[in-house]
Amino acid sequence: MGVFDLVTLAIFAGLIVLFLQRSIEPGDHRDHLWQYLVASLGCAGANYLGDNDYRLLAVLLIVGTLAFIFYVLKPIPQPPSS
């Protein structure tokens, strides 16, 4: 198993946990299933690029995928504003 396999697998596992956590929480959620699909495809694409020696593109796609996750899915709750 290569580095890109481990990194993208860890990100994907985090997405699964986030999805399952949000699916059992009560209340209205702003995230949609397609947003998780976009992040998952980012992981798959980065893994493919990394395995085929496009390391710079793979790293850029991983960074972009993480930015998408933090900007769109917001896994870390925001503190309430006073």
Protein backbone atom coordinates (compact mmCIF):
# COMPACT_ATOMS: atom_id res chain seq x y z
CA MET A 1 0.00 0.00 0.00
CA GLY A 2 1.36 3.36 -0.99
CA VAL A 3 1.24 6.73 0.72
CA PHE A 4 -1.57 7.98 -1.49
CA ASP A 5 -3.60 4.86 -0.71
CA LEU A 6 -3.30 5.49 3.01
CA VAL A 7 -3.99 9.23 2.85
CA THR A 8 -7.03 8.95 0.61
CA LEU A 9 -8.35 6.00 2.58
CA ALA A 10 -8.08 8.01 5.81
CA ILE A 11 -9.93 10.94 4.24
CA PHE A 12 -12.62 8.62 2.88
CA ALA A 13 -13.01 6.94 6.28
CA GLY A 14 -13.48 10.38 7.83
CA LEU A 15 -16.16 11.14 5.24
CA ILE A 16 -17.98 7.94 6.14
CA VAL A 17 -17.90 8.78 9.85
CA LEU A 18 -19.10 12.32 9.16
CA PHE A 19 -21.94 11.07 6.96
CA LEU A 20 -23.06 8.47 9.50
CA GLN A 21 -22.86 10.95 12.36
CA ARG A 22 -24.93 13.52 10.49
CA SER A 23 -27.46 10.94 9.34
CA ILE A 24 -28.42 10.03 12.92
CA GLU A 25 -28.45 13.58 14.32
CA PRO A 26 -31.88 15.13 14.72
CA GLY A 27 -32.65 18.33 12.88
CA ASP A 28 -32.23 19.80 9.45
CA HIS A 29 -28.85 19.36 7.80
CA ARG A 30 -27.49 21.60 5.10
CA ASP A 31 -25.31 18.95 3.48
CA HIS A 32 -26.51 16.69 0.69
CA LEU A 33 -25.44 13.29 -0.55
CA TRP A 34 -23.93 14.73 -3.74
CA GLN A 35 -21.47 16.73 -1.64
CA TYR A 36 -20.11 13.52 -0.15
CA LEU A 37 -19.92 12.08 -3.67
CA VAL A 38 -17.78 15.01 -4.85
CA ALA A 39 -15.38 14.53 -1.92
CA SER A 40 -15.26 10.77 -2.53
CA LEU A 41 -14.46 11.28 -6.20
CA GLY A 42 -11.69 13.67 -5.16
CA CYS A 43 -10.19 10.92 -3.01
CA ALA A 44 -10.49 8.36 -5.81
CA GLY A 45 -8.95 10.73 -8.36
CA ALA A 46 -6.07 11.65 -6.08
CA ASN A 47 -5.38 7.98 -5.37
CA TYR A 48 -5.40 7.19 -9.09
CA LEU A 49 -3.08 10.08 -9.91
CA GLY A 50 -0.71 9.19 -7.07
CA ASP A 51 -0.54 5.56 -8.10
CA ASN A 52 0.28 6.56 -11.68
CA ASP A 53 3.18 8.87 -10.77
CA TYR A 54 1.33 12.17 -11.08
CA ARG A 55 2.33 13.05 -7.53
CA LEU A 56 2.04 16.83 -7.75
CA LEU A 57 -1.46 16.62 -9.24
CA ALA A 58 -2.42 14.06 -6.60
CA VAL A 59 -1.25 16.30 -3.77
CA LEU A 60 -3.09 19.28 -5.27
CA LEU A 61 -6.27 17.21 -5.59
CA ILE A 62 -5.95 16.02 -1.99
CA VAL A 63 -5.55 19.61 -0.79
CA GLY A 64 -8.52 20.66 -2.92
CA THR A 65 -10.63 17.81 -1.60
CA LEU A 66 -9.79 18.69 2.00
CA ALA A 67 -10.60 22.34 1.31
CA PHE A 68 -13.95 21.27 -0.18
CA ILE A 69 -14.71 19.12 2.86
CA PHE A 70 -13.90 21.88 5.34
CA TYR A 71 -15.59 24.65 3.34
CA VAL A 72 -18.75 22.82 2.23
CA LEU A 73 -19.35 20.00 4.72
CA LYS A 74 -17.92 21.82 7.76
CA PRO A 75 -16.91 18.80 9.89
CA ILE A 76 -15.75 21.04 12.76
CA PRO A 77 -18.68 22.85 14.39
CA GLN A 78 -18.49 26.62 14.40
CA PRO A 79 -18.60 28.30 17.81
CA PRO A 80 -21.82 30.22 18.41
CA SER A 81 -21.48 33.93 17.75
CA SER A 82 -22.48 36.28 20.53
